[in-house]
N, C-alpha and C. Protein backbone atom coordinates (compact mmCIF):
# COMPACT_ATOMS: atom_id res chain seq x y z
N MET A 1 110.48 57.61 164.38
CA MET A 1 109.25 58.37 163.70
C MET A 1 109.73 58.76 162.28
N THR A 2 109.03 58.41 161.31
CA THR A 2 109.42 58.92 159.94
C THR A 2 109.05 60.26 159.67
N GLU A 3 109.91 61.12 159.13
CA GLU A 3 109.63 62.54 158.86
C GLU A 3 109.03 62.65 157.38
N HIS A 4 107.90 63.39 157.21
CA HIS A 4 107.35 63.45 155.79
C HIS A 4 107.72 64.86 155.29
N ALA A 5 108.36 64.87 154.16
CA ALA A 5 108.93 66.16 153.53
C ALA A 5 107.62 66.84 153.01
N THR A 6 107.42 68.13 153.21
CA THR A 6 106.42 68.95 152.69
C THR A 6 106.58 69.45 151.29
N GLU A 7 105.83 69.00 150.42
CA GLU A 7 105.90 69.42 149.07
C GLU A 7 105.62 70.94 148.81
N THR A 8 106.38 71.59 148.14
CA THR A 8 106.04 72.99 147.89
C THR A 8 105.23 73.13 146.63
N PRO A 9 104.06 73.71 146.66
CA PRO A 9 103.18 73.73 145.44
C PRO A 9 103.94 74.62 144.39
N PRO A 10 103.87 74.27 143.21
CA PRO A 10 104.35 74.82 141.96
C PRO A 10 103.88 76.40 142.00
N ALA A 11 104.83 77.28 141.69
CA ALA A 11 104.47 78.63 141.53
C ALA A 11 103.58 78.95 140.30
N PRO A 12 102.52 79.78 140.40
CA PRO A 12 101.70 80.11 139.34
C PRO A 12 102.55 80.80 138.22
N ARG A 13 102.24 80.36 137.01
CA ARG A 13 103.00 81.01 135.89
C ARG A 13 102.70 82.49 135.79
N SER A 14 103.77 83.02 135.35
CA SER A 14 103.43 84.62 135.11
C SER A 14 102.65 84.92 133.91
N ARG A 15 101.72 85.92 134.11
CA ARG A 15 100.79 86.13 132.92
C ARG A 15 101.39 87.13 132.11
N ARG A 16 102.59 87.66 132.44
CA ARG A 16 103.24 88.68 131.70
C ARG A 16 103.55 88.50 130.27
N PRO A 17 103.97 87.14 130.00
CA PRO A 17 104.20 87.11 128.48
C PRO A 17 102.94 87.01 127.73
N LEU A 18 101.81 86.59 128.13
CA LEU A 18 100.52 86.66 127.55
C LEU A 18 100.10 88.11 127.29
N LEU A 19 100.31 88.97 128.42
CA LEU A 19 99.95 90.44 128.05
C LEU A 19 100.80 90.97 127.02
N ILE A 20 102.06 90.65 126.85
CA ILE A 20 102.94 91.18 125.87
C ILE A 20 102.53 90.69 124.60
N LEU A 21 102.11 89.44 124.42
CA LEU A 21 101.94 88.77 123.17
C LEU A 21 100.45 89.28 122.60
N ALA A 22 99.54 89.57 123.44
CA ALA A 22 98.29 90.00 123.21
C ALA A 22 98.12 91.00 122.02
N PRO A 23 98.80 92.18 122.23
CA PRO A 23 98.66 93.16 121.11
C PRO A 23 99.37 92.81 119.98
N LEU A 24 100.50 92.06 119.99
CA LEU A 24 101.15 91.55 118.74
C LEU A 24 100.21 90.60 117.97
N LEU A 25 99.57 89.61 118.67
CA LEU A 25 98.65 88.85 118.09
C LEU A 25 97.40 89.40 117.38
N LEU A 26 96.95 90.60 118.10
CA LEU A 26 95.84 91.27 117.48
C LEU A 26 96.40 92.04 116.19
N PHE A 27 97.58 92.62 116.33
CA PHE A 27 98.01 93.36 115.11
C PHE A 27 98.24 92.51 114.00
N GLY A 28 98.81 91.27 114.22
CA GLY A 28 98.88 90.34 113.24
C GLY A 28 97.69 89.76 112.57
N ALA A 29 96.69 89.62 113.44
CA ALA A 29 95.42 89.15 112.76
C ALA A 29 94.97 90.25 111.98
N MET A 30 94.86 91.62 112.30
CA MET A 30 94.37 92.72 111.54
C MET A 30 95.22 92.83 110.21
N ALA A 31 96.55 92.61 110.28
CA ALA A 31 97.37 92.65 109.09
C ALA A 31 96.89 91.58 108.03
N MET A 32 96.85 90.40 108.64
CA MET A 32 96.36 89.21 107.80
C MET A 32 95.05 89.62 107.14
N MET A 33 94.22 90.24 107.87
CA MET A 33 92.69 90.61 107.33
C MET A 33 92.88 91.38 106.20
N PHE A 34 93.68 92.49 106.35
CA PHE A 34 93.99 93.58 105.32
C PHE A 34 94.55 92.90 104.10
N ALA A 35 95.65 92.08 104.31
CA ALA A 35 96.35 91.41 103.24
C ALA A 35 95.42 90.56 102.43
N PHE A 36 94.47 89.80 103.14
CA PHE A 36 93.66 88.91 102.49
C PHE A 36 92.65 89.76 101.61
N ALA A 37 92.22 90.81 102.21
CA ALA A 37 91.19 91.73 101.46
C ALA A 37 91.80 92.37 100.07
N LEU A 38 93.06 92.61 100.20
CA LEU A 38 93.80 93.14 99.01
C LEU A 38 94.19 92.14 98.08
N THR A 39 94.58 90.98 98.38
CA THR A 39 94.86 89.84 97.39
C THR A 39 93.85 88.99 97.01
N LYS A 40 92.77 88.75 97.95
CA LYS A 40 91.84 87.70 97.59
C LYS A 40 90.41 88.29 97.44
N GLY A 41 90.10 89.25 98.33
CA GLY A 41 88.76 89.94 98.39
C GLY A 41 88.66 91.19 97.66
N ASP A 42 87.76 91.85 97.88
CA ASP A 42 87.53 93.18 97.17
C ASP A 42 88.15 94.28 97.95
N PRO A 43 89.13 94.83 97.38
CA PRO A 43 90.03 95.82 98.11
C PRO A 43 89.15 97.06 98.54
N ALA A 44 88.23 97.32 97.64
CA ALA A 44 87.42 98.55 97.97
C ALA A 44 86.54 98.45 99.28
N LYS A 45 86.46 97.12 99.71
CA LYS A 45 85.66 96.88 100.85
C LYS A 45 86.43 97.06 102.21
N LEU A 46 87.72 97.41 102.11
CA LEU A 46 88.46 97.62 103.32
C LEU A 46 87.85 98.84 104.08
N PRO A 47 87.86 98.67 105.31
CA PRO A 47 87.14 99.75 106.16
C PRO A 47 87.76 101.14 106.12
N SER A 48 86.95 102.10 106.18
CA SER A 48 87.55 103.53 106.24
C SER A 48 86.80 104.31 107.21
N ALA A 49 87.41 104.86 108.19
CA ALA A 49 86.70 105.66 109.24
C ALA A 49 86.53 107.03 108.79
N LEU A 50 86.82 107.46 107.46
CA LEU A 50 86.70 108.70 107.03
C LEU A 50 85.65 108.98 106.25
N ILE A 51 84.65 107.91 105.79
CA ILE A 51 83.46 107.99 105.07
C ILE A 51 82.56 108.95 105.67
N GLY A 52 82.07 109.84 105.09
CA GLY A 52 81.13 110.81 105.61
C GLY A 52 81.72 111.95 106.41
N LYS A 53 82.96 111.98 106.55
CA LYS A 53 83.65 113.03 107.36
C LYS A 53 84.39 113.80 106.35
N PRO A 54 84.72 115.15 106.87
CA PRO A 54 85.52 116.13 105.93
C PRO A 54 86.90 115.48 105.73
N ALA A 55 87.26 115.65 104.51
CA ALA A 55 88.71 115.12 104.03
C ALA A 55 89.83 115.80 104.93
N PRO A 56 90.81 115.00 105.35
CA PRO A 56 91.75 115.70 106.12
C PRO A 56 92.52 116.76 105.33
N ALA A 57 93.21 117.73 106.04
CA ALA A 57 93.84 118.70 105.37
C ALA A 57 94.92 118.35 104.47
N LEU A 58 95.25 119.05 103.41
CA LEU A 58 96.41 118.64 102.54
C LEU A 58 97.45 119.64 102.92
N ALA A 59 98.62 118.85 102.79
CA ALA A 59 99.98 119.64 103.12
C ALA A 59 100.95 119.20 102.08
N LEU A 60 100.69 119.81 100.79
CA LEU A 60 101.29 119.31 99.60
C LEU A 60 102.24 120.55 99.02
N THR A 61 103.23 119.99 98.13
CA THR A 61 104.13 120.96 97.55
C THR A 61 103.72 120.78 96.00
N ALA A 62 104.33 121.91 95.17
CA ALA A 62 104.10 121.75 93.75
C ALA A 62 105.19 120.84 93.32
N ILE A 63 104.71 120.21 92.12
CA ILE A 63 105.77 119.42 91.37
C ILE A 63 106.57 120.47 90.37
N GLU A 64 107.83 120.47 90.70
CA GLU A 64 108.62 121.34 89.97
C GLU A 64 108.62 121.23 88.53
N GLY A 65 108.21 122.23 87.82
CA GLY A 65 108.49 122.14 86.23
C GLY A 65 107.11 121.48 85.61
N LEU A 66 106.09 121.08 86.35
CA LEU A 66 104.97 120.51 85.76
C LEU A 66 104.02 121.48 85.16
N GLN A 67 103.92 121.35 83.71
CA GLN A 67 103.08 122.33 83.09
C GLN A 67 102.03 121.55 82.21
N GLU A 68 101.06 122.31 81.83
CA GLU A 68 99.96 121.90 81.03
C GLU A 68 99.99 122.97 79.96
N GLY A 69 100.63 122.65 78.73
CA GLY A 69 100.79 123.76 77.72
C GLY A 69 101.77 124.60 78.30
N PRO A 70 101.45 126.09 78.20
CA PRO A 70 102.28 127.17 78.57
C PRO A 70 102.19 127.40 80.03
N ARG A 71 101.28 126.82 80.90
CA ARG A 71 100.93 127.14 82.25
C ARG A 71 101.33 126.00 83.16
N ALA A 72 101.79 126.49 84.33
CA ALA A 72 102.12 125.44 85.28
C ALA A 72 100.76 124.85 85.81
N VAL A 73 100.58 123.53 86.05
CA VAL A 73 99.63 122.89 86.70
C VAL A 73 99.29 123.44 88.09
N PRO A 74 98.05 123.73 88.50
CA PRO A 74 97.87 124.50 89.85
C PRO A 74 98.16 123.38 91.01
N LEU A 75 98.64 123.94 91.93
CA LEU A 75 98.86 123.26 93.21
C LEU A 75 97.58 122.75 93.86
N LEU A 76 97.43 121.65 94.34
CA LEU A 76 96.18 121.04 94.99
C LEU A 76 96.18 121.70 96.34
N THR A 77 94.95 122.40 96.76
CA THR A 77 94.94 122.72 98.13
C THR A 77 93.62 122.29 98.69
N SER A 78 93.49 122.34 100.05
CA SER A 78 92.32 121.78 100.81
C SER A 78 91.00 122.68 100.30
N GLU A 79 91.32 124.05 100.05
CA GLU A 79 90.32 124.88 99.67
C GLU A 79 89.41 124.32 98.33
N MET A 80 90.30 123.83 97.58
CA MET A 80 89.76 123.32 96.15
C MET A 80 88.72 122.15 96.29
N LEU A 81 88.74 121.46 97.46
CA LEU A 81 87.86 120.54 97.68
C LEU A 81 86.61 120.79 98.30
N ARG A 82 86.34 122.21 98.66
CA ARG A 82 85.20 122.49 99.38
C ARG A 82 84.69 123.63 98.47
N LYS A 83 84.65 123.53 97.22
CA LYS A 83 84.09 124.67 96.35
C LYS A 83 82.64 124.38 95.68
N GLY A 84 82.12 123.36 96.38
CA GLY A 84 80.64 122.94 95.97
C GLY A 84 80.61 121.96 94.95
N GLU A 85 81.79 121.55 94.36
CA GLU A 85 81.87 120.65 93.30
C GLU A 85 82.18 119.19 93.78
N VAL A 86 81.58 118.09 93.22
CA VAL A 86 81.91 116.86 93.35
C VAL A 86 83.32 116.59 92.89
N THR A 87 84.29 116.08 93.84
CA THR A 87 85.69 116.12 93.19
C THR A 87 86.26 114.53 93.56
N VAL A 88 87.07 114.20 92.55
CA VAL A 88 87.74 112.91 92.61
C VAL A 88 89.29 113.18 92.99
N VAL A 89 89.76 112.47 94.11
CA VAL A 89 91.04 112.59 94.50
C VAL A 89 91.91 111.26 94.24
N ASN A 90 92.85 111.34 93.48
CA ASN A 90 93.60 110.09 93.15
C ASN A 90 94.99 110.18 93.82
N PHE A 91 95.30 109.10 94.52
CA PHE A 91 96.75 109.07 95.00
C PHE A 91 97.55 108.14 94.13
N TRP A 92 98.69 108.54 93.58
CA TRP A 92 99.33 107.78 92.55
C TRP A 92 100.90 108.10 92.80
N ALA A 93 101.63 107.33 92.01
CA ALA A 93 103.11 107.54 91.90
C ALA A 93 103.62 106.94 90.51
N SER A 94 104.66 107.45 90.15
CA SER A 94 105.28 107.05 88.84
C SER A 94 105.85 105.40 89.02
N TRP A 95 106.28 105.20 90.27
CA TRP A 95 106.95 103.80 90.26
C TRP A 95 105.82 102.81 90.64
N CYS A 96 104.64 103.14 90.58
CA CYS A 96 103.56 102.24 90.88
C CYS A 96 102.99 101.44 89.63
N GLY A 97 103.25 100.19 89.42
CA GLY A 97 102.75 99.46 88.39
C GLY A 97 101.15 99.56 88.26
N PRO A 98 100.49 99.31 89.19
CA PRO A 98 98.91 99.48 89.17
C PRO A 98 98.54 100.67 88.76
N CYS A 99 99.27 101.90 89.12
CA CYS A 99 98.79 103.24 88.54
C CYS A 99 98.82 103.25 87.09
N VAL A 100 99.72 102.60 86.51
CA VAL A 100 99.85 102.69 84.98
C VAL A 100 98.62 101.88 84.50
N GLU A 101 98.29 100.77 85.02
CA GLU A 101 97.23 100.02 84.67
C GLU A 101 95.71 100.75 84.61
N GLU A 102 95.63 101.49 85.75
CA GLU A 102 94.44 102.33 86.00
C GLU A 102 94.38 103.55 85.24
N HIS A 103 95.46 104.16 84.76
CA HIS A 103 95.49 105.47 84.22
C HIS A 103 94.55 105.76 83.20
N PRO A 104 94.41 104.81 82.25
CA PRO A 104 93.45 105.13 80.94
C PRO A 104 91.99 105.19 81.47
N LEU A 105 91.74 104.42 82.58
CA LEU A 105 90.35 104.52 83.14
C LEU A 105 90.25 105.85 83.92
N LEU A 106 91.30 106.32 84.52
CA LEU A 106 91.16 107.48 85.20
C LEU A 106 90.87 108.68 84.21
N ILE A 107 91.51 108.65 83.06
CA ILE A 107 91.34 109.61 82.01
C ILE A 107 89.77 109.41 81.47
N GLU A 108 89.34 108.31 81.36
CA GLU A 108 87.95 108.01 80.93
C GLU A 108 87.14 108.68 81.95
N LEU A 109 87.34 108.32 83.36
CA LEU A 109 86.61 108.99 84.45
C LEU A 109 86.31 110.42 84.19
N GLU A 110 87.62 110.92 84.07
CA GLU A 110 87.48 112.50 83.90
C GLU A 110 86.65 113.05 82.80
N GLN A 111 86.59 112.25 81.77
CA GLN A 111 85.82 112.67 80.55
C GLN A 111 84.43 112.44 80.73
N LYS A 112 84.04 111.32 81.30
CA LYS A 112 82.65 110.82 81.44
C LYS A 112 81.84 111.52 82.65
N ALA A 113 82.63 111.75 83.77
CA ALA A 113 81.95 112.25 84.91
C ALA A 113 81.92 113.71 84.90
N LYS A 114 82.68 114.34 84.02
CA LYS A 114 82.54 115.86 84.11
C LYS A 114 82.82 116.44 85.44
N VAL A 115 83.60 116.08 86.41
CA VAL A 115 83.98 116.63 87.55
C VAL A 115 85.35 116.78 87.78
N PRO A 116 85.95 117.64 88.59
CA PRO A 116 87.26 117.82 88.61
C PRO A 116 88.02 116.54 89.31
N VAL A 117 89.07 116.20 88.56
CA VAL A 117 89.87 115.00 89.08
C VAL A 117 91.18 115.73 89.42
N VAL A 118 91.60 115.43 90.67
CA VAL A 118 92.86 116.00 91.26
C VAL A 118 93.79 114.83 91.74
N GLY A 119 95.10 115.10 91.74
CA GLY A 119 96.02 114.02 91.94
C GLY A 119 96.92 114.37 93.15
N VAL A 120 97.34 113.40 93.99
CA VAL A 120 98.28 113.51 95.00
C VAL A 120 99.47 112.59 94.61
N ASN A 121 100.68 113.12 94.31
CA ASN A 121 101.69 112.17 93.77
C ASN A 121 102.63 111.91 95.12
N TYR A 122 102.62 110.68 95.36
CA TYR A 122 103.11 110.13 96.64
C TYR A 122 104.71 109.74 96.51
N LYS A 123 105.44 110.38 97.32
CA LYS A 123 106.87 109.95 97.61
C LYS A 123 107.59 109.88 96.22
N ASP A 124 107.61 110.78 95.31
CA ASP A 124 108.05 110.66 94.04
C ASP A 124 108.95 111.56 93.73
N ALA A 125 109.83 111.40 92.61
CA ALA A 125 110.75 112.38 92.13
C ALA A 125 110.06 113.18 91.20
N ALA A 126 110.19 114.42 91.13
CA ALA A 126 109.57 115.45 90.23
C ALA A 126 109.66 115.10 88.87
N ALA A 127 110.75 114.87 88.46
CA ALA A 127 111.14 114.48 87.10
C ALA A 127 110.39 113.17 86.68
N ASN A 128 110.43 112.16 87.49
CA ASN A 128 109.68 110.96 87.27
C ASN A 128 108.08 111.15 87.22
N ALA A 129 107.55 112.08 87.95
CA ALA A 129 106.13 112.42 87.92
C ALA A 129 105.80 113.01 86.65
N ARG A 130 106.74 114.07 86.12
CA ARG A 130 106.34 114.78 84.96
C ARG A 130 106.64 113.72 83.76
N ARG A 131 107.58 112.89 83.85
CA ARG A 131 107.75 111.87 82.79
C ARG A 131 106.51 110.93 82.66
N PHE A 132 105.96 110.56 83.82
CA PHE A 132 104.65 109.64 83.89
C PHE A 132 103.56 110.25 83.11
N LEU A 133 103.37 111.68 83.55
CA LEU A 133 102.02 112.31 82.97
C LEU A 133 102.22 112.67 81.39
N GLY A 134 103.48 112.95 81.13
CA GLY A 134 104.01 113.13 79.73
C GLY A 134 103.66 111.96 78.78
N ARG A 135 103.96 110.78 79.48
CA ARG A 135 103.72 109.55 78.62
C ARG A 135 102.34 109.05 78.50
N TYR A 136 101.63 109.18 79.73
CA TYR A 136 100.20 108.56 79.83
C TYR A 136 99.14 109.38 79.85
N GLY A 137 99.46 110.73 79.76
CA GLY A 137 98.37 111.76 79.89
C GLY A 137 98.02 112.30 81.19
N ASN A 138 97.60 113.61 81.24
CA ASN A 138 97.36 114.09 82.62
C ASN A 138 95.85 114.47 82.89
N PRO A 139 95.18 113.48 83.56
CA PRO A 139 93.74 113.80 83.82
C PRO A 139 93.51 114.92 85.04
N PHE A 140 94.54 115.43 85.55
CA PHE A 140 94.44 116.13 86.84
C PHE A 140 94.37 117.67 86.46
N VAL A 141 93.28 118.36 87.10
CA VAL A 141 93.22 119.76 86.96
C VAL A 141 94.13 120.45 87.95
N ALA A 142 94.50 119.76 89.07
CA ALA A 142 95.46 120.15 89.97
C ALA A 142 96.21 119.04 90.59
N ILE A 143 97.48 119.32 90.97
CA ILE A 143 98.15 118.28 91.61
C ILE A 143 99.08 118.73 92.69
N GLY A 144 99.33 117.93 93.65
CA GLY A 144 100.24 118.21 94.75
C GLY A 144 101.08 117.05 95.01
N ALA A 145 102.36 117.22 95.47
CA ALA A 145 103.40 116.22 95.77
C ALA A 145 103.25 115.94 97.46
N ASP A 146 103.13 114.83 97.80
CA ASP A 146 103.05 114.28 99.20
C ASP A 146 104.62 113.76 99.29
N THR A 147 105.60 114.54 99.44
CA THR A 147 106.98 114.08 99.55
C THR A 147 107.22 113.36 100.91
N THR A 148 106.63 113.59 101.92
CA THR A 148 106.85 112.95 103.20
C THR A 148 106.00 111.82 103.57
N GLY A 149 104.82 111.63 102.84
CA GLY A 149 103.77 110.66 103.01
C GLY A 149 102.92 111.01 104.04
N ARG A 150 103.04 112.17 104.65
CA ARG A 150 102.11 112.52 105.79
C ARG A 150 100.74 112.63 105.42
N THR A 151 100.42 113.05 104.20
CA THR A 151 99.07 113.36 103.74
C THR A 151 98.36 111.96 103.62
N ALA A 152 99.16 111.05 102.98
CA ALA A 152 98.62 109.65 102.71
C ALA A 152 98.39 109.17 104.17
N ILE A 153 99.02 109.21 105.06
CA ILE A 153 98.75 108.62 106.43
C ILE A 153 97.47 109.21 106.92
N GLU A 154 97.34 110.57 106.92
CA GLU A 154 96.18 111.10 107.43
C GLU A 154 94.90 110.81 106.71
N TRP A 155 94.97 110.51 105.34
CA TRP A 155 93.83 110.03 104.51
C TRP A 155 93.74 108.56 104.79
N GLY A 156 94.47 107.92 105.58
CA GLY A 156 94.31 106.49 105.70
C GLY A 156 94.59 105.54 104.52
N VAL A 157 95.47 105.93 103.70
CA VAL A 157 95.92 105.29 102.44
C VAL A 157 96.67 104.14 102.84
N TYR A 158 96.33 103.03 102.18
CA TYR A 158 97.04 101.74 102.24
C TYR A 158 97.98 101.46 101.41
N GLY A 159 97.95 102.00 100.22
CA GLY A 159 99.01 101.89 99.16
C GLY A 159 98.59 102.57 97.83
N MET A 160 99.49 102.58 96.93
CA MET A 160 99.12 103.18 95.72
C MET A 160 98.66 102.23 94.67
N PRO A 161 97.58 102.60 93.86
CA PRO A 161 96.76 103.91 93.92
C PRO A 161 95.59 103.69 94.91
N GLU A 162 95.07 104.84 95.32
CA GLU A 162 93.81 104.89 95.87
C GLU A 162 92.99 106.01 95.40
N THR A 163 91.59 106.05 95.37
CA THR A 163 90.79 107.03 94.82
C THR A 163 89.69 107.25 95.72
N PHE A 164 89.44 108.62 96.03
CA PHE A 164 88.52 109.09 96.85
C PHE A 164 87.44 110.01 96.05
N VAL A 165 86.07 109.83 96.18
CA VAL A 165 85.08 110.77 95.80
C VAL A 165 84.67 111.60 96.96
N LEU A 166 84.73 112.84 96.69
CA LEU A 166 84.26 113.93 97.69
C LEU A 166 83.02 114.72 97.26
N ASP A 167 82.08 114.97 98.16
CA ASP A 167 80.94 115.71 97.75
C ASP A 167 81.27 117.27 97.83
N GLY A 168 80.34 117.94 97.40
CA GLY A 168 80.64 119.38 97.16
C GLY A 168 81.19 120.12 98.41
N GLN A 169 80.91 119.62 99.67
CA GLN A 169 81.38 120.25 100.78
C GLN A 169 82.69 119.82 101.33
N GLY A 170 83.35 118.84 100.68
CA GLY A 170 84.55 118.34 100.99
C GLY A 170 84.53 117.06 101.89
N ARG A 171 83.44 116.62 102.05
CA ARG A 171 83.33 115.26 102.66
C ARG A 171 83.74 114.07 101.85
N ILE A 172 84.17 113.06 102.50
CA ILE A 172 84.60 111.80 101.78
C ILE A 172 83.21 110.90 101.54
N ALA A 173 82.95 110.75 100.29
CA ALA A 173 81.65 110.01 100.12
C ALA A 173 82.06 108.36 99.73
N TYR A 174 83.26 108.27 99.17
CA TYR A 174 83.49 106.97 98.69
C TYR A 174 85.11 106.92 98.71
N LYS A 175 85.47 105.67 98.88
CA LYS A 175 86.92 105.42 98.83
C LYS A 175 87.15 104.06 98.18
N HIS A 176 88.02 103.96 97.04
CA HIS A 176 88.41 102.88 96.44
C HIS A 176 89.92 102.48 96.53
N VAL A 177 90.23 101.32 97.14
CA VAL A 177 91.46 100.75 97.48
C VAL A 177 92.04 100.01 96.26
N GLY A 178 93.25 100.45 95.71
CA GLY A 178 93.79 99.65 94.57
C GLY A 178 93.45 100.34 93.25
N PRO A 179 93.99 99.77 92.10
CA PRO A 179 93.56 100.44 90.83
C PRO A 179 92.11 100.23 90.45
N ILE A 180 91.70 101.37 89.78
CA ILE A 180 90.28 101.39 89.24
C ILE A 180 90.13 100.38 88.19
N THR A 181 89.03 99.50 88.28
CA THR A 181 88.90 98.67 87.10
C THR A 181 87.61 99.12 86.36
N ARG A 182 87.41 98.42 85.08
CA ARG A 182 86.16 98.79 84.29
C ARG A 182 85.00 98.49 85.08
N GLN A 183 84.86 97.48 85.79
CA GLN A 183 83.78 97.07 86.56
C GLN A 183 83.56 98.13 87.76
N THR A 184 84.54 98.60 88.46
CA THR A 184 84.36 99.59 89.50
C THR A 184 83.99 100.87 88.91
N LEU A 185 84.59 101.24 87.79
CA LEU A 185 84.36 102.57 87.26
C LEU A 185 82.75 102.59 86.82
N GLU A 186 82.35 101.51 86.11
CA GLU A 186 80.89 101.72 85.52
C GLU A 186 79.84 101.49 86.67
N ARG A 187 80.16 100.48 87.57
CA ARG A 187 79.16 100.05 88.49
C ARG A 187 79.14 100.80 89.82
N THR A 188 80.28 101.40 90.03
CA THR A 188 80.35 102.03 91.37
C THR A 188 80.66 103.51 91.40
N ILE A 189 81.82 103.83 90.74
CA ILE A 189 82.36 105.16 90.84
C ILE A 189 81.47 106.15 90.01
N LEU A 190 81.19 105.99 88.79
CA LEU A 190 80.23 106.83 88.10
C LEU A 190 78.98 107.08 88.72
N PRO A 191 78.19 105.91 89.13
CA PRO A 191 77.05 106.02 89.82
C PRO A 191 77.17 106.88 91.06
N THR A 192 78.02 106.70 91.83
CA THR A 192 78.25 107.58 93.07
C THR A 192 78.39 108.94 92.77
N ILE A 193 79.14 109.26 91.64
CA ILE A 193 79.34 110.70 91.37
C ILE A 193 78.13 111.25 90.83
N ALA A 194 77.38 110.53 90.04
CA ALA A 194 76.09 110.95 89.49
C ALA A 194 75.08 111.29 90.59
N GLU A 195 75.06 110.24 91.68
CA GLU A 195 74.06 110.47 92.79
C GLU A 195 74.51 111.72 93.44
N LEU A 196 75.84 111.92 93.78
CA LEU A 196 76.35 113.14 94.55
C LEU A 196 75.87 114.52 93.73
N LYS A 197 75.98 114.42 92.46
CA LYS A 197 75.71 115.53 91.60
C LYS A 197 74.29 115.80 91.66
N ARG A 198 73.45 114.76 91.75
CA ARG A 198 71.94 114.89 91.87
C ARG A 198 71.52 115.66 93.05
N GLN A 199 72.27 115.20 94.29
CA GLN A 199 72.03 115.81 95.46
C GLN A 199 72.54 117.21 95.63
N ASN A 200 73.49 117.56 94.91
CA ASN A 200 74.07 118.94 94.75
C ASN A 200 74.02 119.34 93.37
N PRO A 201 72.73 119.95 92.95
CA PRO A 201 72.63 120.33 91.36
C PRO A 201 73.66 121.18 91.00
N GLY A 202 74.46 122.20 91.85
CA GLY A 202 75.38 123.03 91.44
C GLY A 202 76.66 122.38 91.03
N SER A 203 76.87 121.14 91.42
CA SER A 203 78.09 120.36 91.05
C SER A 203 78.41 120.17 89.64
């Protein structure tokens, strides 16, 4: 009598590698989406969960030695963003090439919009920040230094520069990622500010 060997069915493959890879694949897909938007699409269309919400608290320090004439430039605080005025908040750094490109338009924005423009200097040396503003001009009525990068993280900043428009109650109404362009200034930012001022006549 011939004996037949019993074949053992193959063990099911472990699903653990797939469970480990899934978050990595998701993160990679999101990173590619953001990178594509920054390089190929419209950076201003990147999503922001903060639109319509109060701006996160500011934890900034003064830029040592920064003066406007004989007076020190005021330190930017959270209270300044809730004084009833439409306010523009610009994140910038002296080492940021696109910040140099947008700076003339930032000065023009301050002159045309007639609203406070304030600056957050990101991970910069005080001497370099002072040199930058001395060379290109200072459109900011108040400035704070984000030396640790914590404020930028809480505001959802992707990179330098970024610009926010806040209503009179300190809520974020608009966010622009990347350097301001002539088209963005005239077609989006200035009309947004004008509409917010119309809604808040005291601004």
